[in-house]
Amino acid sequence: MTGLSDSFSRPINYLRISVTDRCNLRCRYCLPEKGISLLPRNQILSFEEFATIAGVAAELGITKIRLTGGEPLVRADLPKLVEMLSKIEAINDLSLTTNGVLLSRYANGLKQAGLTRVNISLDSLKSDKFHYITRRSKLKQVFNGIEAAHKADLHPVKINMVVLRGINDDEITDFASLTLTDGWHVRFIELMPFNQELPFSTQFIPASEIRERLLNHFGDLEPSPSPLGNGPAHYFRLPRAEGTIGFITPISQHFCVRCNRLRLTASGRLRACLLNDEETNLEPYLREGTSLERIRQLIRLAIQNKPYCHQLTQGVTTTKTLMAQLGG
């Protein structure tokens, strides 16, 4: 393994794989109510194709893989892919981001297949508000999924909350309190202007305001080591809390300078930056029987073309692809 770095000398060791563009929720900041034009199934990579790309990437220096969607657990037999990826010797961290709706059904099988841990997206603890945000009444299933993840030892279980002014920001302290009472690891995520129906300018809340609200309510936040993971969050802890509070700040304090990741879409397109539409299509090379050396070359090229920074603060964002099609 030689290691990977881009033209700005950033180490690249993390691959996010979107296994499907399908989802069983319709979150307002992610998907329209009617959904999207879905990929034909023959255009979605097989598990073997995902594993081939992951194996080549691991030979080059990728050590961490996260499975995303859409919602990854709507992909049939996902534990089979987890098992295939877990057998790649260089991969030492294999995780999953899910909305949790189906997690109680699959948590044990995922753990047995080799999954390390999970992140669960949850934007409200209240059934009516959860339904408003996701357009589905699935909150009980998500709570069951969180419990199942803990029982299956998929630790640390991290809870991701996208904070929306006037919609769920009154629950910020409720989520934080769960780090005290239930040992949750909660991450507050800034809303991104990403092809959504929500008015970004009125519903965006910077992490600095979220932190100030927590300080006013709880009195103190102590810096904390990061729980296991690869993400860009800055972590804190309430006094005597077992869990942690993280802030993910793609807008107010972007983390491009230390970005270590690549993204692979369900159709085999390699994207070096979430918020840049430039992609390298690996699918034809996989299906035409091209040598693995060509795949290696394309991965290296994508990394060398990785931009230094997104341009969200200048009002420039991706226009061609929805978040649900990229896996976040």
Protein backbone atom coordinates (compact mmCIF):
# COMPACT_ATOMS: atom_id res chain seq x y z
CA MET A 1 0.00 0.00 0.00
CA THR A 2 1.55 3.27 -1.16
CA GLY A 3 -0.88 5.82 0.25
CA LEU A 4 -2.84 8.46 -1.61
CA SER A 5 -2.70 12.24 -1.54
CA ASP A 6 -4.14 14.93 -3.76
CA SER A 7 -2.42 17.89 -5.43
CA PHE A 8 -2.75 19.87 -2.19
CA SER A 9 -0.95 17.14 -0.17
CA ARG A 10 -4.12 16.07 1.64
CA PRO A 11 -4.03 12.34 2.51
CA ILE A 12 -6.98 10.49 0.92
CA ASN A 13 -7.91 7.35 2.85
CA TYR A 14 -11.73 7.35 3.02
CA LEU A 15 -14.24 6.09 0.42
CA ARG A 16 -17.99 6.59 0.70
CA ILE A 17 -19.99 4.16 -1.42
CA SER A 18 -23.59 4.96 -2.33
CA VAL A 19 -25.14 1.55 -2.89
CA THR A 20 -28.52 2.82 -4.16
CA ASP A 21 -30.33 6.01 -5.10
CA ARG A 22 -33.56 4.73 -3.57
CA CYS A 23 -34.91 5.84 -0.19
CA ASN A 24 -37.90 5.02 2.00
CA LEU A 25 -38.20 8.59 3.38
CA ARG A 26 -38.69 11.95 1.64
CA CYS A 27 -36.79 14.40 3.84
CA ARG A 28 -37.51 17.97 2.77
CA TYR A 29 -33.86 19.03 2.60
CA CYS A 30 -32.95 15.99 0.50
CA LEU A 31 -35.75 14.76 -1.77
CA PRO A 32 -38.95 16.08 -3.35
CA GLU A 33 -42.22 14.46 -2.29
CA LYS A 34 -42.57 12.66 -5.63
CA GLY A 35 -39.03 11.30 -5.36
CA ILE A 36 -36.54 11.33 -8.24
CA SER A 37 -36.04 9.62 -11.56
CA LEU A 38 -34.43 6.42 -10.34
CA LEU A 39 -31.56 4.70 -12.05
CA PRO A 40 -32.51 1.60 -14.04
CA ARG A 41 -31.39 -1.37 -12.01
CA ASN A 42 -28.97 -2.51 -14.70
CA GLN A 43 -27.11 0.79 -14.30
CA ILE A 44 -26.52 0.23 -10.57
CA LEU A 45 -23.26 -1.51 -9.76
CA SER A 46 -23.37 -5.06 -8.49
CA PHE A 47 -21.83 -5.99 -5.15
CA GLU A 48 -18.96 -7.61 -7.03
CA GLU A 49 -18.31 -4.38 -8.92
CA PHE A 50 -18.36 -2.32 -5.74
CA ALA A 51 -15.96 -4.78 -4.15
CA THR A 52 -13.63 -4.63 -7.15
CA ILE A 53 -13.37 -0.85 -6.95
CA ALA A 54 -12.97 -0.97 -3.17
CA GLY A 55 -10.21 -3.55 -3.50
CA VAL A 56 -8.27 -1.43 -5.97
CA ALA A 57 -8.77 1.66 -3.82
CA ALA A 58 -7.53 -0.24 -0.78
CA GLU A 59 -4.38 -1.26 -2.64
CA LEU A 60 -3.75 2.43 -3.30
CA GLY A 61 -4.27 3.54 0.29
CA ILE A 62 -7.98 3.64 1.17
CA THR A 63 -8.46 2.21 4.68
CA LYS A 64 -11.97 3.39 5.60
CA ILE A 65 -15.26 2.74 3.82
CA ARG A 66 -18.74 4.04 4.60
CA LEU A 67 -21.87 2.70 2.90
CA THR A 68 -24.58 5.24 2.12
CA GLY A 69 -27.54 5.71 -0.21
CA GLY A 70 -30.23 6.91 -0.78
CA GLU A 71 -31.04 4.62 2.07
CA PRO A 72 -28.54 1.73 1.93
CA LEU A 73 -30.75 -0.74 3.78
CA VAL A 74 -33.33 -0.76 0.99
CA ARG A 75 -30.67 -2.48 -1.14
CA ALA A 76 -31.46 -6.18 -0.94
CA ASP A 77 -28.95 -8.43 0.83
CA LEU A 78 -26.69 -5.56 1.92
CA PRO A 79 -24.93 -7.73 4.56
CA LYS A 80 -23.45 -9.71 1.64
CA LEU A 81 -21.67 -6.58 0.42
CA VAL A 82 -20.53 -5.80 3.95
CA GLU A 83 -19.02 -9.27 4.20
CA MET A 84 -17.22 -8.86 0.88
CA LEU A 85 -15.77 -5.49 1.87
CA SER A 86 -14.81 -6.67 5.36
CA LYS A 87 -12.54 -9.29 3.76
CA ILE A 88 -10.39 -6.61 2.10
CA GLU A 89 -7.30 -6.73 4.27
CA ALA A 90 -6.41 -3.02 4.20
CA ILE A 91 -9.89 -1.84 5.27
CA ASN A 92 -9.86 -1.28 9.03
CA ASP A 93 -13.10 0.71 9.43
CA LEU A 94 -16.36 -0.26 7.70
CA SER A 95 -19.38 1.81 8.64
CA LEU A 96 -22.91 2.68 7.51
CA THR A 97 -25.07 5.80 7.39
CA THR A 98 -28.80 5.02 7.57
CA ASN A 99 -32.10 6.63 8.43
CA GLY A 100 -32.64 3.73 10.83
CA VAL A 101 -36.09 2.71 9.60
CA LEU A 102 -34.97 -0.83 8.67
CA LEU A 103 -32.04 -1.12 11.05
CA SER A 104 -33.73 -3.25 13.69
CA ARG A 105 -34.19 -5.92 11.01
CA TYR A 106 -30.56 -5.92 9.88
CA ALA A 107 -28.37 -4.76 12.78
CA ASN A 108 -27.27 -8.23 13.94
CA GLY A 109 -26.63 -9.47 10.42
CA LEU A 110 -24.60 -6.39 9.57
CA LYS A 111 -22.47 -6.83 12.68
CA GLN A 112 -21.88 -10.51 11.95
CA ALA A 113 -20.92 -9.62 8.37
CA GLY A 114 -18.20 -7.26 9.60
CA LEU A 115 -19.79 -3.82 9.94
CA THR A 116 -18.01 -1.70 12.55
CA ARG A 117 -20.51 1.01 13.44
CA VAL A 118 -23.46 3.14 12.26
CA ASN A 119 -24.53 6.75 11.93
CA ILE A 120 -28.29 7.30 12.12
CA SER A 121 -29.99 10.35 10.64
CA LEU A 122 -32.71 11.64 12.97
CA ASP A 123 -34.01 15.20 12.85
CA SER A 124 -36.80 15.11 15.43
CA LEU A 125 -37.81 13.19 18.54
CA LYS A 126 -41.47 14.13 18.05
CA SER A 127 -43.72 12.05 15.83
CA ASP A 128 -45.62 14.94 14.23
CA LYS A 129 -42.47 16.89 13.44
CA PHE A 130 -40.67 13.77 12.22
CA HIS A 131 -43.57 13.18 9.83
CA TYR A 132 -43.41 16.77 8.60
CA ILE A 133 -39.67 16.60 7.86
CA THR A 134 -39.59 13.10 6.35
CA ARG A 135 -43.17 12.94 5.04
CA ARG A 136 -43.43 9.48 6.59
CA SER A 137 -44.60 8.13 9.97
CA LYS A 138 -41.60 5.98 10.83
CA LEU A 139 -40.23 7.44 14.07
CA LYS A 140 -40.94 4.33 16.15
CA GLN A 141 -39.00 2.21 13.66
CA VAL A 142 -36.02 4.58 13.93
CA PHE A 143 -36.01 4.35 17.74
CA ASN A 144 -36.14 0.54 17.41
CA GLY A 145 -33.21 0.74 15.01
CA ILE A 146 -31.15 2.80 17.45
CA GLU A 147 -31.82 0.27 20.20
CA ALA A 148 -30.94 -2.63 17.89
CA ALA A 149 -27.66 -0.95 16.89
CA HIS A 150 -26.64 -0.66 20.53
CA LYS A 151 -27.57 -4.27 21.25
CA ALA A 152 -25.58 -5.42 18.22
CA ASP A 153 -22.53 -3.48 19.47
CA LEU A 154 -22.32 -1.26 16.39
CA HIS A 155 -20.49 1.34 18.45
CA PRO A 156 -20.25 4.22 18.58
CA VAL A 157 -23.82 4.82 17.41
CA LYS A 158 -23.88 8.43 16.21
CA ILE A 159 -27.08 10.42 15.73
CA ASN A 160 -27.01 13.06 12.98
CA MET A 161 -29.46 15.98 13.29
CA VAL A 162 -29.77 18.57 10.52
CA VAL A 163 -30.89 21.71 12.35
CA LEU A 164 -33.65 23.74 10.66
CA ARG A 165 -34.71 27.11 12.03
CA GLY A 166 -38.39 27.24 12.82
CA ILE A 167 -38.84 23.51 12.29
CA ASN A 168 -36.73 21.47 14.74
CA ASP A 169 -34.38 23.96 16.40
CA ASP A 170 -36.57 23.90 19.52
CA GLU A 171 -35.29 20.32 20.03
CA ILE A 172 -31.59 21.15 20.17
CA THR A 173 -31.45 20.88 23.96
CA ASP A 174 -33.62 17.74 23.90
CA PHE A 175 -31.10 15.98 21.67
CA ALA A 176 -28.19 17.23 23.78
CA SER A 177 -29.89 15.99 26.96
CA LEU A 178 -29.80 12.45 25.55
CA THR A 179 -25.99 12.54 25.77
CA LEU A 180 -26.55 12.79 29.54
CA THR A 181 -29.43 10.38 30.06
CA ASP A 182 -28.83 7.79 27.32
CA GLY A 183 -25.18 8.24 26.37
CA TRP A 184 -26.01 9.26 22.81
CA HIS A 185 -23.36 10.70 20.48
CA VAL A 186 -25.22 13.57 18.81
CA ARG A 187 -23.91 15.60 15.89
CA PHE A 188 -25.61 18.86 14.92
CA ILE A 189 -25.21 19.47 11.18
CA GLU A 190 -25.59 22.76 9.37
CA LEU A 191 -28.15 22.81 6.55
CA MET A 192 -26.58 22.97 3.08
CA PRO A 193 -28.14 24.73 0.04
CA PHE A 194 -28.36 21.54 -1.96
CA ASN A 195 -31.23 21.44 -4.48
CA GLN A 196 -33.90 21.46 -1.79
CA GLU A 197 -37.35 22.93 -1.32
CA LEU A 198 -36.56 24.48 2.06
CA PRO A 199 -35.64 28.19 2.02
CA PHE A 200 -31.97 28.04 2.98
CA SER A 201 -31.59 31.71 3.93
CA THR A 202 -34.31 31.56 6.57
CA GLN A 203 -33.79 28.04 7.92
CA PHE A 204 -30.00 27.87 8.10
CA ILE A 205 -28.59 28.01 11.66
CA PRO A 206 -24.81 28.29 12.13
CA ALA A 207 -23.17 25.93 14.59
CA SER A 208 -22.03 28.93 16.64
CA GLU A 209 -25.66 29.73 17.43
CA ILE A 210 -26.43 26.10 18.28
CA ARG A 211 -23.47 26.01 20.64
CA GLU A 212 -24.54 29.30 22.25
CA ARG A 213 -28.01 27.90 22.90
CA LEU A 214 -26.49 24.84 24.56
CA LEU A 215 -24.22 26.97 26.73
CA ASN A 216 -27.16 29.12 27.81
CA HIS A 217 -29.18 26.03 28.73
CA PHE A 218 -26.55 23.74 30.25
CA GLY A 219 -23.90 26.22 31.40
CA ASP A 220 -20.84 24.44 30.06
CA LEU A 221 -19.43 22.42 27.19
CA GLU A 222 -16.11 20.67 27.60
CA PRO A 223 -13.87 19.81 24.60
CA SER A 224 -13.93 16.06 24.04
CA PRO A 225 -11.89 13.53 22.08
CA SER A 226 -13.66 12.31 18.98
CA PRO A 227 -15.52 9.01 19.13
CA LEU A 228 -14.21 6.53 16.59
CA GLY A 229 -14.68 7.84 13.07
CA ASN A 230 -13.46 9.77 10.06
CA GLY A 231 -15.73 12.77 10.04
CA PRO A 232 -15.19 16.51 10.28
CA ALA A 233 -17.10 17.14 13.52
CA HIS A 234 -15.68 19.09 16.45
CA TYR A 235 -16.65 17.31 19.66
CA PHE A 236 -17.67 18.47 23.11
CA ARG A 237 -19.22 16.93 26.19
CA LEU A 238 -21.66 18.15 28.79
CA PRO A 239 -20.26 17.75 32.32
CA ARG A 240 -20.71 14.15 33.50
CA ALA A 241 -22.15 13.04 30.15
CA GLU A 242 -21.23 9.63 28.75
CA GLY A 243 -22.12 10.74 25.23
CA THR A 244 -20.71 13.54 23.12
CA ILE A 245 -21.95 16.54 21.14
CA GLY A 246 -20.46 17.21 17.72
CA PHE A 247 -20.79 20.15 15.34
CA ILE A 248 -20.45 19.67 11.58
CA THR A 249 -19.99 23.03 9.88
CA PRO A 250 -19.85 22.81 6.06
CA ILE A 251 -21.00 26.43 5.71
CA SER A 252 -19.83 28.54 8.64
CA GLN A 253 -16.43 26.87 9.07
CA HIS A 254 -15.79 24.52 6.18
CA PHE A 255 -13.38 21.61 6.58
CA CYS A 256 -12.14 21.32 2.99
CA VAL A 257 -8.55 21.87 4.08
CA ARG A 258 -8.55 18.44 5.76
CA CYS A 259 -10.95 16.58 3.44
CA ASN A 260 -9.77 12.97 3.11
CA ARG A 261 -12.56 11.40 1.09
CA LEU A 262 -13.82 10.17 -2.24
CA ARG A 263 -17.39 9.25 -3.14
CA LEU A 264 -18.58 6.47 -5.41
CA THR A 265 -22.15 6.73 -6.70
CA ALA A 266 -24.45 3.77 -7.19
CA SER A 267 -23.86 3.99 -10.96
CA GLY A 268 -20.08 3.86 -10.61
CA ARG A 269 -19.15 7.53 -10.84
CA LEU A 270 -16.23 8.59 -8.67
CA ARG A 271 -16.59 12.07 -7.21
CA ALA A 272 -13.71 13.74 -5.40
CA CYS A 273 -15.82 16.57 -3.92
CA LEU A 274 -19.43 16.37 -2.77
CA LEU A 275 -20.14 19.88 -4.04
CA ASN A 276 -18.41 19.71 -7.39
CA ASP A 277 -20.08 18.06 -10.37
CA GLU A 278 -16.87 16.72 -11.90
CA GLU A 279 -16.97 12.91 -11.91
CA THR A 280 -14.99 9.97 -13.27
CA ASN A 281 -17.21 7.22 -14.64
CA LEU A 282 -15.73 3.82 -13.72
CA GLU A 283 -18.70 1.73 -14.84
CA PRO A 284 -17.71 1.25 -18.51
CA TYR A 285 -14.23 0.13 -17.53
CA LEU A 286 -15.62 -2.41 -15.08
CA ARG A 287 -18.08 -3.89 -17.55
CA GLU A 288 -15.80 -3.89 -20.57
CA GLY A 289 -13.20 -6.00 -18.79
CA THR A 290 -10.58 -3.27 -18.62
CA SER A 291 -7.51 -4.16 -16.60
CA LEU A 292 -7.47 -3.17 -12.94
CA GLU A 293 -4.46 -0.98 -13.68
CA ARG A 294 -6.75 1.32 -15.69
CA ILE A 295 -9.10 1.56 -12.69
CA ARG A 296 -6.09 2.47 -10.55
CA GLN A 297 -5.12 5.20 -12.99
CA LEU A 298 -8.63 6.65 -13.01
CA ILE A 299 -8.80 6.73 -9.21
CA ARG A 300 -5.45 8.50 -9.05
CA LEU A 301 -6.59 10.99 -11.70
CA ALA A 302 -9.81 11.76 -9.82
CA ILE A 303 -7.80 12.44 -6.68
CA GLN A 304 -5.36 14.73 -8.48
CA ASN A 305 -8.33 16.71 -9.84
CA LYS A 306 -9.89 17.11 -6.39
CA PRO A 307 -10.61 20.84 -5.89
CA TYR A 308 -9.19 22.66 -2.92
CA CYS A 309 -12.50 23.97 -1.62
CA HIS A 310 -16.21 24.18 -2.31
CA GLN A 311 -17.79 27.53 -3.15
CA LEU A 312 -20.94 27.41 -1.04
CA THR A 313 -20.21 30.71 0.65
CA GLN A 314 -20.11 32.32 -2.81
CA GLY A 315 -23.50 30.83 -3.61
CA VAL A 316 -22.09 28.19 -5.96
CA THR A 317 -23.36 24.66 -5.46
CA THR A 318 -23.86 21.50 -7.46
CA THR A 319 -26.78 21.70 -9.87
CA LYS A 320 -26.99 18.29 -11.48
CA THR A 321 -27.34 15.83 -8.62
CA LEU A 322 -29.41 15.59 -5.45
CA MET A 323 -27.89 14.73 -2.10
CA ALA A 324 -29.79 11.44 -2.06
CA GLN A 325 -27.95 10.37 -5.20
CA LEU A 326 -24.52 11.04 -3.68
CA GLY A 327 -24.80 9.70 -0.15
CA GLY A 328 -23.83 12.94 1.59
